[in-house]
Structure formats: structure tokens, C-alpha cells
Amino acid sequence: MCAFFDASGTDLEIVGEASDGLEAVQKTGQLLPDLILLDIGLPKLNGIEAARQICKIVPAPTILFVSENRCRDVVEEALRTCARGYVLKSNVARDLLTAVRAVIADKLFVSNGLASHSSTKTSDV
């Protein structure tokens, strides 16, 4: 799952969705969203590779990974892209709004429990 948001004004508005990584890259170029939520396990093109391609076509995109994948290597690889955060799906109820606010404000966000695993970005807002 991939969701695209317009963050202008005070509210977030969903402006699009994609069901796979290739579609996510294509729609990013069309929609130029303010915020992109990406899962790691997207079909056709995984979320990490989609993020890499998005970074090439959109200057400074705001990408937030939302995944249950806790593998240290995967989390670190995701955060080596232009993404600004990583939220565990099991922590979405607690972390998502805080993470969205942080990444939109150009801060880093990593769900509790993952920050200690990641040497790339360890900020937890």
C-alpha cells in the first residue's frame, strides 16, 4: 500500500493511492504529493526501491515508511533512501500522527524499539 497526501493548510488530504511500487513511482511524478506513506513489501517494486526512484524524480520528497518489518538491515536500508521516517504497523495507533507531523516539519522519526537498531537515523520525536 502506498498513499499520497497534500499537507497544505492545516489538514492532510489523501490525493491518491497505489497498489504496487511501480504505480507509486508513476503517481508521485503525476501528483507531486507533500507526503508519501510507503510499505516495504509492495509488489512489482518493493518500497525501498520505489523510494530510490521517487528520490530521483522528485526533489526532496517527504517519505514515511510504514511497515512491520523489524529487520535491522531492512530498516537501515529504508532510512538510507530519502525517507524521513519509519513507523512500525503495530505502533501506528500510537506513532503515526506524531511521525507525520515530524517528517512534514523536516524532522526524523523512527518508532520506539527501532531507534536502537538503526545507526543511520536514530531520532525519535
N, C-alpha and C. Protein backbone atom coordinates (compact mmCIF):
# COMPACT_ATOMS: atom_id res chain seq x y z
N MET A 1 0.84 -1.18 0.00
CA MET A 1 0.00 0.00 0.00
C MET A 1 0.88 1.24 0.00
N CYS A 2 0.48 2.20 -0.75
CA CYS A 2 1.15 3.49 -0.80
C CYS A 2 0.05 4.54 -0.84
N ALA A 3 0.20 5.58 -0.04
CA ALA A 3 -0.78 6.67 -0.01
C ALA A 3 -0.06 7.99 -0.20
N PHE A 4 -0.72 8.89 -0.90
CA PHE A 4 -0.17 10.21 -1.20
C PHE A 4 -1.05 11.27 -0.55
N PHE A 5 -0.42 12.28 0.05
CA PHE A 5 -1.16 13.30 0.78
C PHE A 5 -0.76 14.70 0.36
N ASP A 6 -1.73 15.59 0.40
CA ASP A 6 -1.50 17.03 0.28
C ASP A 6 -1.56 17.57 1.70
N ALA A 7 -0.50 18.24 2.13
CA ALA A 7 -0.43 18.74 3.50
C ALA A 7 -0.55 20.25 3.56
N SER A 8 -1.02 20.86 2.50
CA SER A 8 -1.18 22.31 2.54
C SER A 8 -2.33 22.66 3.47
N GLY A 9 -2.20 23.77 4.14
CA GLY A 9 -3.21 24.14 5.12
C GLY A 9 -2.99 23.38 6.42
N THR A 10 -4.06 23.17 7.15
CA THR A 10 -3.93 22.53 8.47
C THR A 10 -4.29 21.05 8.46
N ASP A 11 -4.90 20.56 7.40
CA ASP A 11 -5.33 19.17 7.34
C ASP A 11 -4.56 18.40 6.27
N LEU A 12 -4.51 17.09 6.44
CA LEU A 12 -3.98 16.21 5.41
C LEU A 12 -5.12 15.73 4.55
N GLU A 13 -4.90 15.70 3.27
CA GLU A 13 -5.91 15.20 2.35
C GLU A 13 -5.28 14.12 1.49
N ILE A 14 -5.92 12.95 1.43
CA ILE A 14 -5.42 11.89 0.56
C ILE A 14 -5.70 12.30 -0.88
N VAL A 15 -4.64 12.32 -1.69
CA VAL A 15 -4.79 12.70 -3.08
C VAL A 15 -4.56 11.53 -4.03
N GLY A 16 -4.18 10.37 -3.48
CA GLY A 16 -4.00 9.21 -4.32
C GLY A 16 -3.51 8.01 -3.55
N GLU A 17 -3.64 6.85 -4.18
CA GLU A 17 -3.17 5.59 -3.61
C GLU A 17 -2.56 4.77 -4.73
N ALA A 18 -1.63 3.90 -4.36
CA ALA A 18 -1.02 2.99 -5.32
C ALA A 18 -0.99 1.60 -4.70
N SER A 19 -1.15 0.58 -5.52
CA SER A 19 -1.17 -0.78 -5.01
C SER A 19 0.16 -1.50 -5.17
N ASP A 20 1.09 -0.90 -5.92
CA ASP A 20 2.41 -1.51 -6.07
C ASP A 20 3.47 -0.41 -6.23
N GLY A 21 4.73 -0.82 -6.15
CA GLY A 21 5.82 0.14 -6.19
C GLY A 21 5.95 0.89 -7.50
N LEU A 22 5.73 0.22 -8.62
CA LEU A 22 5.81 0.90 -9.92
C LEU A 22 4.74 1.99 -10.04
N GLU A 23 3.55 1.67 -9.60
CA GLU A 23 2.46 2.65 -9.63
C GLU A 23 2.76 3.81 -8.67
N ALA A 24 3.41 3.52 -7.55
CA ALA A 24 3.77 4.57 -6.59
C ALA A 24 4.73 5.57 -7.23
N VAL A 25 5.72 5.07 -7.94
CA VAL A 25 6.68 5.95 -8.61
C VAL A 25 5.97 6.79 -9.67
N GLN A 26 5.14 6.15 -10.48
CA GLN A 26 4.41 6.86 -11.54
C GLN A 26 3.50 7.94 -10.97
N LYS A 27 2.72 7.60 -9.94
CA LYS A 27 1.77 8.57 -9.38
C LYS A 27 2.49 9.71 -8.66
N THR A 28 3.64 9.43 -8.07
CA THR A 28 4.40 10.50 -7.42
C THR A 28 4.75 11.57 -8.45
N GLY A 29 5.20 11.15 -9.62
CA GLY A 29 5.53 12.11 -10.68
C GLY A 29 4.33 12.89 -11.15
N GLN A 30 3.16 12.28 -11.14
CA GLN A 30 1.94 12.96 -11.58
C GLN A 30 1.36 13.87 -10.50
N LEU A 31 1.31 13.38 -9.27
CA LEU A 31 0.61 14.08 -8.19
C LEU A 31 1.49 15.08 -7.45
N LEU A 32 2.81 14.85 -7.41
CA LEU A 32 3.74 15.67 -6.63
C LEU A 32 3.19 15.92 -5.22
N PRO A 33 2.97 14.83 -4.47
CA PRO A 33 2.37 14.96 -3.14
C PRO A 33 3.32 15.57 -2.12
N ASP A 34 2.75 16.09 -1.04
CA ASP A 34 3.54 16.63 0.06
C ASP A 34 4.08 15.53 0.96
N LEU A 35 3.40 14.41 1.02
CA LEU A 35 3.78 13.29 1.90
C LEU A 35 3.43 11.98 1.21
N ILE A 36 4.36 11.02 1.32
CA ILE A 36 4.14 9.68 0.75
C ILE A 36 4.34 8.66 1.86
N LEU A 37 3.34 7.82 2.09
CA LEU A 37 3.46 6.70 3.02
C LEU A 37 3.74 5.46 2.18
N LEU A 38 4.83 4.77 2.46
CA LEU A 38 5.23 3.60 1.69
C LEU A 38 5.40 2.38 2.59
N ASP A 39 4.90 1.26 2.14
CA ASP A 39 5.18 -0.01 2.81
C ASP A 39 6.43 -0.60 2.17
N ILE A 40 7.17 -1.39 2.91
CA ILE A 40 8.35 -2.06 2.38
C ILE A 40 7.94 -3.14 1.39
N GLY A 41 6.92 -3.91 1.72
CA GLY A 41 6.54 -5.10 0.95
C GLY A 41 5.58 -4.83 -0.19
N LEU A 42 5.86 -3.86 -1.03
CA LEU A 42 4.99 -3.61 -2.18
C LEU A 42 5.30 -4.60 -3.30
N PRO A 43 4.26 -5.02 -4.03
CA PRO A 43 4.51 -5.90 -5.18
C PRO A 43 5.15 -5.13 -6.34
N LYS A 44 5.69 -5.86 -7.28
CA LYS A 44 6.33 -5.38 -8.50
C LYS A 44 7.63 -4.62 -8.25
N LEU A 45 7.65 -3.72 -7.31
CA LEU A 45 8.84 -2.96 -6.95
C LEU A 45 8.72 -2.68 -5.46
N ASN A 46 9.65 -3.18 -4.64
CA ASN A 46 9.49 -3.02 -3.19
C ASN A 46 9.58 -1.54 -2.80
N GLY A 47 9.15 -1.24 -1.60
CA GLY A 47 9.08 0.15 -1.15
C GLY A 47 10.42 0.85 -1.12
N ILE A 48 11.48 0.14 -0.78
CA ILE A 48 12.81 0.76 -0.74
C ILE A 48 13.24 1.17 -2.14
N GLU A 49 13.06 0.28 -3.11
CA GLU A 49 13.44 0.62 -4.48
C GLU A 49 12.52 1.71 -5.04
N ALA A 50 11.25 1.67 -4.68
CA ALA A 50 10.33 2.74 -5.11
C ALA A 50 10.79 4.08 -4.55
N ALA A 51 11.20 4.10 -3.28
CA ALA A 51 11.70 5.34 -2.66
C ALA A 51 12.93 5.85 -3.40
N ARG A 52 13.83 4.96 -3.76
CA ARG A 52 15.03 5.38 -4.51
C ARG A 52 14.65 6.04 -5.82
N GLN A 53 13.69 5.44 -6.52
CA GLN A 53 13.27 6.01 -7.80
C GLN A 53 12.52 7.33 -7.61
N ILE A 54 11.71 7.40 -6.58
CA ILE A 54 10.98 8.64 -6.28
C ILE A 54 11.97 9.76 -5.99
N CYS A 55 13.03 9.46 -5.26
CA CYS A 55 14.05 10.46 -4.93
C CYS A 55 14.72 11.02 -6.18
N LYS A 56 14.77 10.23 -7.23
CA LYS A 56 15.38 10.68 -8.48
C LYS A 56 14.47 11.60 -9.29
N ILE A 57 13.15 11.45 -9.11
CA ILE A 57 12.23 12.24 -9.95
C ILE A 57 11.60 13.42 -9.22
N VAL A 58 11.62 13.40 -7.90
CA VAL A 58 11.02 14.48 -7.12
C VAL A 58 12.08 15.02 -6.16
N PRO A 59 12.35 16.32 -6.22
CA PRO A 59 13.35 16.87 -5.30
C PRO A 59 12.82 16.87 -3.86
N ALA A 60 13.60 16.30 -2.96
CA ALA A 60 13.31 16.28 -1.52
C ALA A 60 11.89 15.83 -1.18
N PRO A 61 11.49 14.62 -1.62
CA PRO A 61 10.15 14.14 -1.25
C PRO A 61 10.08 13.82 0.24
N THR A 62 8.90 13.91 0.80
CA THR A 62 8.69 13.54 2.20
C THR A 62 8.11 12.14 2.21
N ILE A 63 8.96 11.18 2.55
CA ILE A 63 8.55 9.77 2.55
C ILE A 63 8.61 9.24 3.98
N LEU A 64 7.55 8.54 4.36
CA LEU A 64 7.46 7.88 5.66
C LEU A 64 7.15 6.41 5.40
N PHE A 65 8.05 5.53 5.81
CA PHE A 65 7.80 4.10 5.68
C PHE A 65 6.88 3.65 6.81
N VAL A 66 5.91 2.81 6.46
CA VAL A 66 5.01 2.20 7.44
C VAL A 66 5.06 0.70 7.15
N SER A 67 5.70 -0.04 8.03
CA SER A 67 5.92 -1.46 7.79
C SER A 67 6.03 -2.19 9.12
N GLU A 68 5.82 -3.49 9.08
CA GLU A 68 6.04 -4.29 10.29
C GLU A 68 7.41 -4.95 10.24
N ASN A 69 8.14 -4.73 9.17
CA ASN A 69 9.46 -5.33 9.04
C ASN A 69 10.41 -4.69 10.04
N ARG A 70 10.95 -5.51 10.96
CA ARG A 70 11.84 -5.03 12.02
C ARG A 70 13.30 -5.40 11.77
N CYS A 71 13.57 -6.05 10.67
CA CYS A 71 14.93 -6.48 10.35
C CYS A 71 15.85 -5.26 10.28
N ARG A 72 16.90 -5.30 11.07
CA ARG A 72 17.82 -4.15 11.16
C ARG A 72 18.31 -3.70 9.79
N ASP A 73 18.73 -4.65 8.96
CA ASP A 73 19.24 -4.31 7.63
C ASP A 73 18.18 -3.62 6.77
N VAL A 74 16.95 -4.10 6.85
CA VAL A 74 15.87 -3.51 6.07
C VAL A 74 15.56 -2.09 6.55
N VAL A 75 15.46 -1.92 7.86
CA VAL A 75 15.17 -0.59 8.42
C VAL A 75 16.28 0.39 8.02
N GLU A 76 17.53 -0.02 8.18
CA GLU A 76 18.64 0.86 7.83
C GLU A 76 18.67 1.19 6.35
N GLU A 77 18.39 0.19 5.52
CA GLU A 77 18.36 0.43 4.06
C GLU A 77 17.23 1.40 3.71
N ALA A 78 16.08 1.23 4.32
CA ALA A 78 14.96 2.15 4.08
C ALA A 78 15.33 3.58 4.46
N LEU A 79 16.02 3.73 5.58
CA LEU A 79 16.38 5.06 6.05
C LEU A 79 17.58 5.65 5.32
N ARG A 80 18.26 4.84 4.51
CA ARG A 80 19.34 5.38 3.67
C ARG A 80 18.80 5.98 2.38
N THR A 81 17.54 5.74 2.09
CA THR A 81 16.91 6.42 0.95
C THR A 81 16.63 7.84 1.42
N CYS A 82 15.84 8.56 0.69
CA CYS A 82 15.50 9.93 1.09
C CYS A 82 14.35 9.98 2.10
N ALA A 83 13.94 8.81 2.61
CA ALA A 83 12.84 8.76 3.59
C ALA A 83 13.23 9.47 4.87
N ARG A 84 12.23 10.02 5.55
CA ARG A 84 12.46 10.75 6.80
C ARG A 84 11.98 10.01 8.02
N GLY A 85 11.38 8.83 7.82
CA GLY A 85 10.89 8.13 8.98
C GLY A 85 10.49 6.69 8.70
N TYR A 86 10.30 5.96 9.80
CA TYR A 86 9.91 4.55 9.74
C TYR A 86 9.01 4.27 10.93
N VAL A 87 7.78 3.87 10.64
CA VAL A 87 6.80 3.56 11.68
C VAL A 87 6.43 2.09 11.58
N LEU A 88 6.47 1.41 12.70
CA LEU A 88 6.01 0.03 12.73
C LEU A 88 4.48 -0.01 12.65
N LYS A 89 3.95 -0.91 11.83
CA LYS A 89 2.49 -1.02 11.72
C LYS A 89 1.86 -1.33 13.07
N SER A 90 2.54 -2.10 13.90
CA SER A 90 1.99 -2.41 15.22
C SER A 90 1.95 -1.19 16.13
N ASN A 91 2.66 -0.13 15.77
CA ASN A 91 2.67 1.12 16.56
C ASN A 91 1.92 2.26 15.88
N VAL A 92 1.21 1.97 14.80
CA VAL A 92 0.55 3.03 14.03
C VAL A 92 -0.40 3.86 14.89
N ALA A 93 -1.21 3.22 15.71
CA ALA A 93 -2.17 3.98 16.53
C ALA A 93 -1.46 4.99 17.42
N ARG A 94 -0.30 4.62 17.93
CA ARG A 94 0.44 5.49 18.83
C ARG A 94 1.34 6.47 18.08
N ASP A 95 1.97 6.03 16.99
CA ASP A 95 3.05 6.79 16.36
C ASP A 95 2.72 7.56 15.09
N LEU A 96 1.70 7.14 14.36
CA LEU A 96 1.54 7.68 13.01
C LEU A 96 1.36 9.20 12.97
N LEU A 97 0.47 9.73 13.77
CA LEU A 97 0.24 11.18 13.73
C LEU A 97 1.50 11.95 14.13
N THR A 98 2.19 11.49 15.16
CA THR A 98 3.44 12.12 15.58
C THR A 98 4.48 12.03 14.48
N ALA A 99 4.57 10.88 13.84
CA ALA A 99 5.54 10.68 12.75
C ALA A 99 5.23 11.59 11.57
N VAL A 100 3.97 11.69 11.20
CA VAL A 100 3.58 12.56 10.08
C VAL A 100 3.95 14.00 10.39
N ARG A 101 3.62 14.46 11.58
CA ARG A 101 3.97 15.84 11.96
C ARG A 101 5.47 16.05 11.92
N ALA A 102 6.23 15.08 12.40
CA ALA A 102 7.69 15.20 12.43
C ALA A 102 8.27 15.28 11.02
N VAL A 103 7.89 14.36 10.14
CA VAL A 103 8.50 14.35 8.81
C VAL A 103 8.06 15.54 7.98
N ILE A 104 6.85 16.01 8.16
CA ILE A 104 6.40 17.21 7.45
C ILE A 104 7.19 18.42 7.92
N ALA A 105 7.58 18.42 9.18
CA ALA A 105 8.41 19.50 9.73
C ALA A 105 9.90 19.27 9.46
N ASP A 106 10.20 18.32 8.58
CA ASP A 106 11.57 18.01 8.16
C ASP A 106 12.42 17.44 9.30
N LYS A 107 11.76 16.73 10.22
CA LYS A 107 12.46 16.04 11.30
C LYS A 107 12.44 14.55 11.00
N LEU A 108 13.28 13.83 11.69
CA LEU A 108 13.34 12.39 11.54
C LEU A 108 12.44 11.72 12.57
N PHE A 109 11.88 10.56 12.20
CA PHE A 109 11.08 9.80 13.15
C PHE A 109 11.32 8.32 12.93
N VAL A 110 11.59 7.61 14.02
CA VAL A 110 11.73 6.16 13.99
C VAL A 110 10.95 5.63 15.19
N SER A 111 10.07 4.67 14.96
CA SER A 111 9.28 4.08 16.05
C SER A 111 10.18 3.57 17.16
N ASN A 112 9.70 3.69 18.40
CA ASN A 112 10.41 3.14 19.55
C ASN A 112 10.73 1.68 19.31
N GLY A 113 11.87 1.27 19.76
CA GLY A 113 12.30 -0.10 19.57
C GLY A 113 13.14 -0.28 18.34
N LEU A 114 12.94 0.59 17.35
CA LEU A 114 13.75 0.54 16.13
C LEU A 114 14.90 1.51 16.21
N ALA A 115 14.73 2.59 16.95
CA ALA A 115 15.77 3.62 17.02
C ALA A 115 17.10 3.02 17.46
N SER A 116 17.06 2.09 18.38
CA SER A 116 18.30 1.49 18.86
C SER A 116 18.90 0.55 17.82
N HIS A 117 18.08 0.10 16.88
CA HIS A 117 18.59 -0.79 15.83
C HIS A 117 19.23 -0.04 14.69
N SER A 118 18.88 1.21 14.50
CA SER A 118 19.34 1.95 13.33
C SER A 118 20.48 2.87 13.65
N SER A 119 21.59 2.68 12.99
CA SER A 119 22.72 3.59 13.17
C SER A 119 22.65 4.76 12.20
N THR A 120 21.73 4.69 11.23
CA THR A 120 21.63 5.73 10.22
C THR A 120 20.88 6.93 10.77
N LYS A 121 19.69 6.71 11.29
CA LYS A 121 18.87 7.78 11.82
C LYS A 121 18.27 7.27 13.13
N THR A 122 18.53 7.95 14.20
CA THR A 122 18.06 7.43 15.46
C THR A 122 17.17 8.40 16.21
N SER A 123 16.69 9.43 15.54
CA SER A 123 15.82 10.39 16.22
C SER A 123 14.46 9.78 16.44
N ASP A 124 13.94 9.99 17.61
CA ASP A 124 12.58 9.59 17.93
C ASP A 124 11.91 10.81 18.52
N VAL A 125 10.95 11.35 17.80
CA VAL A 125 10.31 12.60 18.21
C VAL A 125 9.18 12.31 19.17
